């Protein structure tokens, strides 16, 4: 397949979307107090309503990883990934009625303040350091995804687009604070940028193939419409149990205890507004899943083969090549779609992550040890945003070596977010756990899940079948003996770490009184 690139109209649409995002940040820099206090800069003065917060949460999930990764996953392995949607019904009420009331009633700024009040300062510090490391690594993965996209459709060097995107996000985050982050998310989730762009792709693609029924017929004949898999084995990547139960633990670590999400809940006017925001997010999450799976089936129906791309092309670029080669004849459509990806990356990876990282660094590390005026603290917070932007660029180098952005991102969130989730779940529901037990459980579960998670990545890379195109490599079945642990589904990382932490924390707490 010969690559095609942007036309003039595509560049116009793309640039307009980025410019509007930047202008929103500038607008909130010159209105509403000019973000002169830490409460306004970091928490939007705690006056946000449920609707914009819910939309902001939605676009956090609707990142470039989801837009690129889900269709690639469905194209390769069928629709088994759609069962992840079952987990949404489990984790949503848990977050709404178990986590949000606890954090909101405490009137905290950083979610890790809870760890000090429940356990000790050292446990709080462990949680903060874990979060910072997780988000820095995660930022590199999500930033790399749209950079692959712009490389595929324009030929522009990946690292030029990485630097440009990071610069735009840093400017409006520093200028506008959390309020700009949330309202930029609201703008970007509009039908023109997010959902409509993908629906247009589906509509045009189905029309070219003879209708949506034709698409599903082709997918059915090829075995891509996977039935529900009730295999209880934790070593199967996508089963009902791994995606529903394991996925619930993963989502709780993202929505329930991650500062980037909790910070949105805490900036709501009331506790009820915060709870409504998570429930409003539920149908939007299912919409994301449906669209992603539909696009994956559409692409397979178009090519009906395992590898329509060049051997040196990554699976995550599959959707971009489809958009350019099949839909490129429609002026502006490719530009709209790539703008969707870039604007999606202005969420969690850049705006949300930068703001939340600055929040926890200021609240949990700097302010407890240094007394300073609020204005100076605000300036330091903005400086921290710039510093984390540089670290984000460095982590993108690591992300460029990963084979799939979807599995890489979910693995990172599970590996590093699971032990952190354990601290909060045990703290809220297990009164017998003391700070020594919590710290021991956290450390042991972190070490073990690191070993399993990152060890499995290295193990699979070292045992790939040689002599095959790198797009869809098959793995040699060498999971024998102790190596079987590396076959554990990445969807179980958070649940695995919780069980380990529960066991160790209970034993240590009982032994230490």
Protein backbone atom coordinates (compact mmCIF):
# COMPACT_ATOMS: atom_id res chain seq x y z
CA UNK A 1 0.00 0.00 0.00
CA UNK A 2 1.53 3.29 -1.08
CA UNK A 3 1.25 6.01 1.59
CA UNK A 4 -0.80 9.14 0.92
CA UNK A 5 -0.38 12.47 2.66
CA UNK A 6 -2.40 15.50 3.73
CA UNK A 7 -3.94 17.88 1.21
CA UNK A 8 -4.25 21.63 1.82
CA UNK A 9 -7.75 21.32 3.30
CA UNK A 10 -6.55 18.73 5.78
CA UNK A 11 -3.82 21.02 7.06
CA UNK A 12 -6.34 23.85 7.48
CA UNK A 13 -8.74 21.75 9.59
CA UNK A 14 -5.90 20.36 11.66
CA UNK A 15 -4.34 23.73 12.46
CA UNK A 16 -7.69 25.36 13.34
CA UNK A 17 -8.38 22.70 16.00
CA UNK A 18 -4.98 23.15 17.65
CA UNK A 19 -5.30 26.93 17.54
CA UNK A 20 -8.69 26.88 19.26
CA UNK A 21 -7.27 24.71 22.05
CA UNK A 22 -4.47 27.18 22.61
CA UNK A 23 -6.85 30.16 22.64
CA UNK A 24 -8.97 28.57 25.39
CA UNK A 25 -5.94 28.43 27.67
CA UNK A 26 -5.10 32.06 26.92
CA UNK A 27 -8.72 33.08 27.59
CA UNK A 28 -8.71 31.57 31.06
CA UNK A 29 -5.32 33.15 31.72
CA UNK A 30 -6.81 36.64 31.30
CA UNK A 31 -10.18 35.96 33.01
CA UNK A 32 -11.35 34.55 36.31
CA UNK A 33 -8.53 35.90 38.46
CA UNK A 34 -5.75 35.13 35.97
CA UNK A 35 -5.08 31.81 37.75
CA UNK A 36 -3.28 33.77 40.47
CA UNK A 37 -3.96 31.34 43.33
CA UNK A 38 -3.14 27.66 43.70
CA UNK A 39 -6.79 26.85 44.43
CA UNK A 40 -7.87 28.42 41.14
CA UNK A 41 -4.93 27.09 39.13
CA UNK A 42 -5.06 23.53 40.51
CA UNK A 43 -8.71 23.09 41.57
CA UNK A 44 -10.74 25.58 39.46
CA UNK A 45 -11.92 27.13 42.77
CA UNK A 46 -13.97 23.95 43.38
CA UNK A 47 -16.90 25.43 41.44
CA UNK A 48 -17.24 23.11 38.45
CA UNK A 49 -20.55 21.38 37.65
CA UNK A 50 -21.10 17.72 36.77
CA UNK A 51 -21.50 18.10 33.00
CA UNK A 52 -18.09 19.58 32.06
CA UNK A 53 -16.33 17.34 34.58
CA UNK A 54 -18.01 14.26 33.11
CA UNK A 55 -17.05 15.29 29.60
CA UNK A 56 -13.49 15.87 30.75
CA UNK A 57 -13.39 12.38 32.27
CA UNK A 58 -14.75 10.97 29.01
CA UNK A 59 -12.08 12.53 26.85
CA UNK A 60 -9.48 11.34 29.33
CA UNK A 61 -10.35 7.80 28.28
CA UNK A 62 -10.99 8.80 24.66
CA UNK A 63 -7.29 9.33 24.11
CA UNK A 64 -5.20 8.63 21.05
CA UNK A 65 -4.39 5.25 22.61
CA UNK A 66 -8.06 4.27 22.48
CA UNK A 67 -8.70 5.72 19.04
CA UNK A 68 -5.71 3.91 17.51
CA UNK A 69 -5.33 0.91 19.79
CA UNK A 70 -8.86 -0.53 19.94
CA UNK A 71 -9.35 -0.78 16.13
CA UNK A 72 -5.89 -2.37 15.80
CA UNK A 73 -6.74 -4.89 18.55
CA UNK A 74 -10.09 -5.79 16.94
CA UNK A 75 -8.48 -6.01 13.48
CA UNK A 76 -5.94 -8.55 14.74
CA UNK A 77 -7.87 -10.58 17.33
CA UNK A 78 -11.57 -9.94 16.78
CA UNK A 79 -14.14 -8.36 19.07
CA UNK A 80 -13.22 -10.14 22.33
CA UNK A 81 -11.96 -6.82 23.70
CA UNK A 82 -15.52 -5.41 23.74
CA UNK A 83 -16.20 -7.41 26.92
CA UNK A 84 -14.14 -4.78 28.72
CA UNK A 85 -17.37 -2.77 28.67
CA UNK A 86 -18.83 -5.08 31.35
CA UNK A 87 -16.34 -3.67 33.85
CA UNK A 88 -17.87 -0.21 33.45
CA UNK A 89 -21.03 -1.37 35.24
CA UNK A 90 -18.99 -2.62 38.19
CA UNK A 91 -16.45 0.10 38.84
CA UNK A 92 -18.75 3.11 38.29
CA UNK A 93 -20.95 2.67 41.42
CA UNK A 94 -17.89 1.70 43.47
CA UNK A 95 -16.11 4.93 42.58
CA UNK A 96 -19.28 7.01 43.00
CA UNK A 97 -20.28 5.70 46.43
CA UNK A 98 -17.08 4.38 47.99
CA UNK A 99 -14.23 6.63 46.87
CA UNK A 100 -15.76 10.00 46.00
CA UNK A 101 -17.60 10.52 49.36
CA UNK A 102 -14.45 9.76 51.34
CA UNK A 103 -12.21 12.13 49.40
CA UNK A 104 -14.78 14.90 48.95
CA UNK A 105 -15.74 15.05 52.63
CA UNK A 106 -12.08 15.37 53.61
CA UNK A 107 -11.76 18.62 51.57
CA UNK A 108 -8.37 17.53 50.27
CA UNK A 109 -6.46 18.76 47.22
CA UNK A 110 -4.23 15.76 46.69
CA UNK A 111 -5.73 12.29 46.99
CA UNK A 112 -2.54 11.20 48.72
CA UNK A 113 -3.37 13.35 51.74
CA UNK A 114 -5.70 10.49 52.65
CA UNK A 115 -2.74 8.10 52.92
CA UNK A 116 -1.05 10.25 55.57
CA UNK A 117 -4.22 10.63 57.63
CA UNK A 118 -4.99 6.91 57.41
CA UNK A 119 -1.46 5.52 57.65
CA UNK A 120 1.65 7.73 57.90
CA UNK A 121 3.78 10.28 56.04
CA UNK A 122 6.04 7.59 54.58
CA UNK A 123 3.05 5.77 53.06
CA UNK A 124 1.85 9.04 51.57
CA UNK A 125 5.29 9.66 50.08
CA UNK A 126 5.33 6.16 48.55
CA UNK A 127 1.97 6.82 46.93
CA UNK A 128 3.12 10.17 45.54
CA UNK A 129 6.37 8.79 44.12
CA UNK A 130 4.52 5.85 42.57
CA UNK A 131 2.00 8.17 40.93
CA UNK A 132 4.67 10.49 39.55
CA UNK A 133 6.65 7.63 38.05
CA UNK A 134 3.53 6.04 36.56
CA UNK A 135 2.27 9.22 34.92
CA UNK A 136 5.69 10.18 33.53
CA UNK A 137 6.02 6.80 31.81
CA UNK A 138 2.38 6.83 30.72
CA UNK A 139 2.69 10.31 29.25
CA UNK A 140 5.40 9.12 26.91
CA UNK A 141 3.21 6.30 25.60
CA UNK A 142 0.17 8.47 24.88
CA UNK A 143 2.17 11.31 23.37
CA UNK A 144 3.89 8.88 21.01
CA UNK A 145 0.57 7.61 19.58
CA UNK A 146 -0.54 10.81 17.79
CA UNK A 147 3.02 11.40 16.69
CA UNK A 148 2.85 8.09 14.84
CA UNK A 149 -0.38 9.35 13.32
CA UNK A 150 1.02 12.60 12.00
CA UNK A 151 4.05 10.75 10.66
CA UNK A 152 1.80 8.36 8.73
CA UNK A 153 -0.33 11.04 7.08
CA UNK A 154 2.13 13.87 6.52
CA UNK A 155 5.57 12.29 6.46
CA UNK A 156 6.58 14.78 9.17
CA UNK A 157 9.29 13.50 11.48
CA UNK A 158 7.83 11.89 14.60
CA UNK A 159 9.96 13.92 16.97
CA UNK A 160 9.03 17.24 15.41
CA UNK A 161 5.34 16.49 16.03
CA UNK A 162 6.13 15.29 19.58
CA UNK A 163 7.85 18.55 20.48
CA UNK A 164 5.17 20.68 18.81
CA UNK A 165 2.28 18.92 20.53
CA UNK A 166 4.00 19.05 23.91
CA UNK A 167 4.70 22.77 23.49
CA UNK A 168 1.08 23.65 22.68
CA UNK A 169 -0.23 21.68 25.65
CA UNK A 170 2.29 23.19 28.04
CA UNK A 171 1.38 26.73 27.04
CA UNK A 172 -2.36 26.43 27.61
CA UNK A 173 -1.94 24.34 30.77
CA UNK A 174 0.42 26.92 32.31
CA UNK A 175 -1.78 29.81 31.21
CA UNK A 176 -5.21 28.44 32.03
CA UNK A 177 -4.79 25.94 34.87
CA UNK A 178 -7.32 23.18 35.57
CA UNK A 179 -10.25 25.30 34.35
CA UNK A 180 -8.67 25.54 30.89
CA UNK A 181 -7.88 21.84 30.98
CA UNK A 182 -11.52 20.92 31.64
CA UNK A 183 -13.07 23.41 29.22
CA UNK A 184 -10.58 22.48 26.51
CA UNK A 185 -11.68 18.88 27.02
CA UNK A 186 -15.29 20.00 26.60
CA UNK A 187 -14.43 21.78 23.35
CA UNK A 188 -12.46 18.83 22.03
CA UNK A 189 -15.17 16.29 22.76
CA UNK A 190 -17.61 18.17 20.53
CA UNK A 191 -19.03 16.15 17.64
CA UNK A 192 -16.74 17.84 15.13
CA UNK A 193 -13.55 16.78 16.89
CA UNK A 194 -14.31 13.47 18.57
CA UNK A 195 -17.35 11.31 17.94
CA UNK A 196 -18.42 12.84 14.63
CA UNK A 197 -14.97 12.36 13.10
CA UNK A 198 -15.13 8.62 13.77
CA UNK A 199 -18.78 8.27 12.77
CA UNK A 200 -17.92 9.91 9.44
CA UNK A 201 -15.16 7.37 8.93
CA UNK A 202 -17.57 4.50 9.69
CA UNK A 203 -20.32 5.90 7.44
CA UNK A 204 -18.08 6.47 4.43
CA UNK A 205 -16.25 3.17 4.87
CA UNK A 206 -19.46 1.15 5.15
CA UNK A 207 -20.92 2.88 2.13
CA UNK A 208 -17.87 1.91 0.07
CA UNK A 209 -18.26 -1.74 1.06
CA UNK A 210 -22.00 -1.92 0.44
CA UNK A 211 -23.49 -1.20 3.84
CA UNK A 212 -22.96 -2.08 7.48
CA UNK A 213 -24.60 -5.50 7.06
CA UNK A 214 -21.94 -6.38 4.50
CA UNK A 215 -19.20 -5.36 6.93
CA UNK A 216 -20.58 -7.58 9.69
CA UNK A 217 -21.09 -10.47 7.27
CA UNK A 218 -17.45 -10.34 6.19
CA UNK A 219 -16.31 -10.13 9.81
CA UNK A 220 -18.58 -13.03 10.81
CA UNK A 221 -17.33 -15.27 8.00
CA UNK A 222 -13.74 -14.53 9.04
CA UNK A 223 -14.42 -15.35 12.70
CA UNK A 224 -13.79 -11.81 13.90
CA UNK A 225 -17.09 -11.60 15.82
CA UNK A 226 -15.83 -13.37 18.91
CA UNK A 227 -18.34 -14.94 21.33
CA UNK A 228 -18.11 -14.36 25.08
CA UNK A 229 -15.21 -16.39 26.43
CA UNK A 230 -15.87 -17.75 29.94
CA UNK A 231 -12.49 -19.48 30.25
CA UNK A 232 -11.45 -19.00 33.92
CA UNK A 233 -7.73 -19.20 33.13
CA UNK A 234 -5.90 -15.99 34.16
CA UNK A 235 -3.40 -16.70 31.40
CA UNK A 236 -5.89 -15.96 28.62
CA UNK A 237 -5.53 -12.29 27.66
CA UNK A 238 -9.19 -11.47 26.98
CA UNK A 239 -11.90 -13.47 28.72
CA UNK A 240 -15.12 -12.41 30.42
CA UNK A 241 -13.44 -12.72 33.82
CA UNK A 242 -10.20 -10.92 32.96
CA UNK A 243 -11.96 -8.05 31.18
CA UNK A 244 -14.89 -7.73 33.61
CA UNK A 245 -13.32 -8.45 37.02
CA UNK A 246 -9.70 -7.65 36.23
CA UNK A 247 -10.82 -4.66 34.19
CA UNK A 248 -12.82 -3.35 37.16
CA UNK A 249 -9.70 -3.27 39.33
CA UNK A 250 -7.84 -1.53 36.51
CA UNK A 251 -10.59 1.08 36.06
CA UNK A 252 -10.79 1.69 39.81
CA UNK A 253 -7.07 2.48 39.81
CA UNK A 254 -7.67 4.97 36.99
CA UNK A 255 -10.91 6.60 38.17
CA UNK A 256 -10.93 5.97 41.90
CA UNK A 257 -7.44 6.81 43.21
CA UNK A 258 -5.56 8.44 40.35
CA UNK A 259 -4.98 12.14 41.02
CA UNK A 260 -5.79 13.09 37.42
CA UNK A 261 -9.34 11.75 37.84
CA UNK A 262 -9.94 12.46 41.53
CA UNK A 263 -8.85 16.06 41.03
CA UNK A 264 -11.80 16.51 38.68
CA UNK A 265 -14.24 15.13 41.24
CA UNK A 266 -12.84 17.37 43.95
CA UNK A 267 -13.29 20.51 41.86
CA UNK A 268 -17.08 19.98 41.67
CA UNK A 269 -19.44 22.28 43.54
CA UNK A 270 -20.99 19.50 45.62
CA UNK A 271 -20.43 15.84 46.36
CA UNK A 272 -23.62 14.99 44.45
CA UNK A 273 -22.31 16.79 41.37
CA UNK A 274 -19.12 14.73 41.57
CA UNK A 275 -21.11 11.49 41.78
CA UNK A 276 -23.36 12.51 38.90
CA UNK A 277 -20.30 13.22 36.75
CA UNK A 278 -19.08 9.62 36.97
CA UNK A 279 -22.54 8.22 36.15
CA UNK A 280 -22.86 10.55 33.16
CA UNK A 281 -19.58 9.12 31.95
CA UNK A 282 -20.93 5.55 31.79
CA UNK A 283 -22.84 5.73 28.46
CA UNK A 284 -19.99 7.71 26.93
CA UNK A 285 -17.53 4.94 27.75
CA UNK A 286 -19.73 2.39 26.00
CA UNK A 287 -19.97 4.69 22.99
CA UNK A 288 -16.17 4.75 22.80
CA UNK A 289 -16.01 0.95 22.89
CA UNK A 290 -18.68 0.52 20.21
CA UNK A 291 -17.06 2.99 17.84
CA UNK A 292 -13.59 1.51 18.28
CA UNK A 293 -14.76 -2.06 17.65
CA UNK A 294 -16.82 -0.97 14.63
CA UNK A 295 -13.85 0.75 13.02
CA UNK A 296 -11.67 -2.32 13.61
CA UNK A 297 -14.20 -4.57 11.86
CA UNK A 298 -14.56 -2.03 9.06
CA UNK A 299 -10.82 -1.99 8.38
CA UNK A 300 -10.65 -5.79 8.33
CA UNK A 301 -13.62 -5.94 5.95
CA UNK A 302 -11.83 -3.54 3.63
CA UNK A 303 -8.59 -5.50 3.37
CA UNK A 304 -9.60 -9.05 4.40
CA UNK A 305 -6.03 -9.99 5.12
CA UNK A 306 -3.60 -10.11 8.03
CA UNK A 307 -1.10 -7.49 6.91
CA UNK A 308 -2.09 -4.78 4.42
CA UNK A 309 0.81 -2.54 5.43
CA UNK A 310 4.54 -2.37 4.92
CA UNK A 311 6.65 -4.66 7.06
CA UNK A 312 8.15 -1.74 8.99
CA UNK A 313 4.75 -0.29 9.96
CA UNK A 314 3.40 -0.61 13.50
CA UNK A 315 -0.14 -1.94 14.09
CA UNK A 316 -1.16 1.36 15.67
CA UNK A 317 -0.69 3.08 12.32
CA UNK A 318 -3.20 0.79 10.64
CA UNK A 319 -6.16 3.13 11.14
CA UNK A 320 -4.24 6.12 9.78
CA UNK A 321 -3.32 4.33 6.58
CA UNK A 322 -6.94 3.31 6.17
CA UNK A 323 -8.15 6.88 6.62
CA UNK A 324 -5.66 8.25 4.10
CA UNK A 325 -5.96 5.54 1.44
CA UNK A 326 -9.69 4.86 1.59
CA UNK A 327 -11.09 8.21 2.72
CA UNK A 328 -8.41 10.55 1.40
CA UNK A 329 -10.52 11.45 -1.63
CA UNK A 330 -12.86 13.43 0.65
CA UNK A 331 -11.27 16.85 1.34
CA UNK A 332 -10.83 17.65 5.01
CA UNK A 333 -11.84 14.23 6.37
CA UNK A 334 -8.27 13.04 7.07
CA UNK A 335 -7.42 16.41 8.63
CA UNK A 336 -10.48 16.22 10.87
CA UNK A 337 -9.62 12.72 11.99
CA UNK A 338 -5.97 13.46 12.78
CA UNK A 339 -7.07 16.61 14.62
CA UNK A 340 -9.27 14.28 16.67
CA UNK A 341 -6.20 12.24 17.64
CA UNK A 342 -4.06 15.24 18.46
CA UNK A 343 -6.78 16.92 20.49
CA UNK A 344 -7.32 13.63 22.31
CA UNK A 345 -3.68 13.74 23.33
CA UNK A 346 -4.14 17.16 24.85
CA UNK A 347 -6.09 15.42 27.64
CA UNK A 348 -4.63 12.89 30.04
CA UNK A 349 -1.12 12.81 28.70
CA UNK A 350 -0.50 16.52 28.57
CA UNK A 351 -3.08 18.79 30.18
CA UNK A 352 -4.48 16.46 32.82
CA UNK A 353 -1.19 14.81 33.68
CA UNK A 354 0.81 18.03 33.83
CA UNK A 355 -1.76 19.67 36.08
CA UNK A 356 -2.16 16.66 38.38
CA UNK A 357 1.60 16.11 38.61
CA UNK A 358 2.10 19.74 39.57
CA UNK A 359 -0.68 19.38 42.16
CA UNK A 360 0.77 16.38 43.97
CA UNK A 361 4.32 17.73 43.80
CA UNK A 362 3.29 21.03 45.34
CA UNK A 363 0.78 19.63 47.85
CA UNK A 364 2.57 16.46 48.94
CA UNK A 365 6.28 17.26 48.58
CA UNK A 366 7.00 21.01 48.55
CA UNK A 367 4.42 22.71 50.77
CA UNK A 368 4.70 20.34 53.76
CA UNK A 369 8.38 21.30 54.07
CA UNK A 370 8.54 24.90 52.80
CA UNK A 371 6.35 27.82 53.83
CA UNK A 372 5.62 30.27 51.03
CA UNK A 373 3.09 32.80 49.83
CA UNK A 374 0.31 31.49 47.62
CA UNK A 375 1.43 33.55 44.64
CA UNK A 376 4.92 32.09 44.82
CA UNK A 377 3.45 28.59 45.11
CA UNK A 378 1.42 29.24 41.95
CA UNK A 379 4.53 30.31 40.05
CA UNK A 380 6.35 27.19 41.21
CA UNK A 381 3.38 25.04 40.14
CA UNK A 382 3.55 26.50 36.65
CA UNK A 383 7.29 25.89 36.57
CA UNK A 384 6.67 22.28 37.55
CA UNK A 385 4.37 21.91 34.55
CA UNK A 386 7.24 22.95 32.27
CA UNK A 387 9.60 20.54 34.01
CA UNK A 388 7.27 17.60 33.60
CA UNK A 389 6.86 18.52 29.94
CA UNK A 390 10.58 17.92 29.44
CA UNK A 391 10.37 14.56 31.22
CA UNK A 392 7.44 13.65 28.99
CA UNK A 393 9.60 14.17 25.92
CA UNK A 394 12.27 11.88 27.37
CA UNK A 395 9.78 9.10 28.08
CA UNK A 396 8.57 9.20 24.50
CA UNK A 397 11.89 7.62 23.52
CA UNK A 398 10.97 4.56 25.59
CA UNK A 399 7.44 4.47 24.17
CA UNK A 400 8.83 4.31 20.64
CA UNK A 401 10.23 0.86 21.44
CA UNK A 402 6.87 -0.64 22.49
CA UNK A 403 4.92 -2.77 19.97
CA UNK A 404 1.32 -1.74 20.90
CA UNK A 405 0.27 1.50 22.56
CA UNK A 406 -3.00 0.05 23.87
CA UNK A 407 -1.52 -2.91 25.73
CA UNK A 408 1.51 -0.87 26.78
CA UNK A 409 -0.66 1.84 28.34
CA UNK A 410 -3.02 -0.56 30.13
CA UNK A 411 -0.07 -2.62 31.35
CA UNK A 412 1.63 0.45 32.82
CA UNK A 413 -1.57 1.56 34.55
CA UNK A 414 -2.10 -1.94 35.94
CA UNK A 415 1.50 -2.52 37.03
CA UNK A 416 1.97 0.80 38.80
CA UNK A 417 -1.63 1.68 39.64
CA UNK A 418 -2.57 -1.67 41.18
CA UNK A 419 -0.40 -1.44 44.31
CA UNK A 420 -1.57 2.13 44.82
CA UNK A 421 -5.20 1.06 44.56
CA UNK A 422 -4.51 -1.52 47.25
CA UNK A 423 -3.45 1.18 49.72
CA UNK A 424 -6.78 2.97 49.38
CA UNK A 425 -9.04 -0.09 49.29
CA UNK A 426 -7.40 -1.61 52.35
CA UNK A 427 -7.40 1.74 54.13
CA UNK A 428 -11.11 2.30 53.60
CA UNK A 429 -12.44 -1.22 54.17
CA UNK A 430 -9.88 -3.03 56.33
CA UNK A 431 -9.64 -1.29 59.68
CA UNK A 432 -7.16 -3.84 61.02
CA UNK A 433 -4.44 -2.79 58.53
CA UNK A 434 -1.84 -0.51 60.16
CA UNK A 435 0.78 1.65 58.48
CA UNK A 436 3.50 -1.01 58.74
CA UNK A 437 1.29 -3.61 57.12
CA UNK A 438 0.17 -1.21 54.40
CA UNK A 439 3.75 -0.24 53.58
CA UNK A 440 4.92 -3.87 53.49
CA UNK A 441 2.00 -4.92 51.29
CA UNK A 442 2.59 -2.01 48.95
CA UNK A 443 6.30 -2.75 48.56
CA UNK A 444 5.92 -6.49 48.06
CA UNK A 445 3.04 -6.18 45.59
CA UNK A 446 4.90 -3.48 43.67
CA UNK A 447 8.01 -5.65 43.33
CA UNK A 448 6.05 -8.72 42.27
CA UNK A 449 3.82 -6.98 39.75
CA UNK A 450 6.87 -5.16 38.33
CA UNK A 451 8.57 -8.51 37.91
CA UNK A 452 5.55 -10.08 36.21
CA UNK A 453 4.57 -7.07 34.08
CA UNK A 454 7.84 -5.73 32.78
CA UNK A 455 9.42 -9.19 32.85
CA UNK A 456 6.72 -10.49 30.49
CA UNK A 457 7.47 -7.70 28.02
CA UNK A 458 11.15 -8.58 27.95
CA UNK A 459 10.37 -12.30 27.82
CA UNK A 460 8.05 -11.98 24.82
CA UNK A 461 10.46 -9.76 22.92
CA UNK A 462 13.26 -12.27 23.45
CA UNK A 463 11.12 -15.17 22.22
CA UNK A 464 9.44 -13.75 19.13
CA UNK A 465 9.37 -15.93 16.05
CA UNK A 466 12.13 -14.89 13.72
CA UNK A 467 11.77 -14.18 10.01
CA UNK A 468 8.20 -12.84 10.06
CA UNK A 469 6.94 -9.34 9.33
CA UNK A 470 7.12 -7.25 12.52
CA UNK A 471 3.54 -6.05 12.20
CA UNK A 472 1.79 -9.17 13.49
CA UNK A 473 4.44 -11.34 15.10
CA UNK A 474 3.41 -14.70 16.53
CA UNK A 475 4.84 -15.79 19.83
CA UNK A 476 6.62 -19.09 20.40
CA UNK A 477 4.89 -21.19 23.04
CA UNK A 478 7.75 -21.26 25.56
CA UNK A 479 5.78 -20.55 28.72
CA UNK A 480 7.05 -23.49 30.77
CA UNK A 481 7.99 -23.84 34.43
CA UNK A 482 8.34 -20.53 36.28
CA UNK A 483 7.99 -18.71 32.95
CA UNK A 484 4.25 -19.43 32.99
CA UNK A 485 3.84 -16.38 35.25
CA UNK A 486 4.80 -14.18 32.30
CA UNK A 487 1.68 -15.37 30.49
CA UNK A 488 -0.60 -13.73 33.09
CA UNK A 489 -3.10 -11.47 31.33
CA UNK A 490 -2.20 -7.81 31.63
CA UNK A 491 -5.82 -7.17 32.62
CA UNK A 492 -5.17 -9.01 35.90
CA UNK A 493 -2.18 -6.92 37.02
CA UNK A 494 -4.23 -4.63 39.29
CA UNK A 495 -6.25 -7.50 40.78
CA UNK A 496 -3.10 -9.58 41.26
CA UNK A 497 -1.35 -6.79 43.14
CA UNK A 498 -4.43 -6.24 45.34
CA UNK A 499 -4.52 -9.89 46.44
CA UNK A 500 -0.79 -9.88 47.21
CA UNK A 501 -1.08 -6.62 49.13
CA UNK A 502 -4.10 -7.87 51.09
CA UNK A 503 -2.24 -11.00 52.18
CA UNK A 504 1.04 -9.30 53.13
CA UNK A 505 -0.65 -6.31 54.81
CA UNK A 506 -2.86 -8.54 56.93
CA UNK A 507 0.01 -10.76 58.08
CA UNK A 508 2.33 -7.85 58.92
CA UNK A 509 -0.44 -5.88 60.67
CA UNK A 510 -1.35 -8.84 62.85
CA UNK A 511 2.29 -9.46 63.72
CA UNK A 512 2.99 -5.82 64.60
CA UNK A 513 -0.27 -5.11 66.41
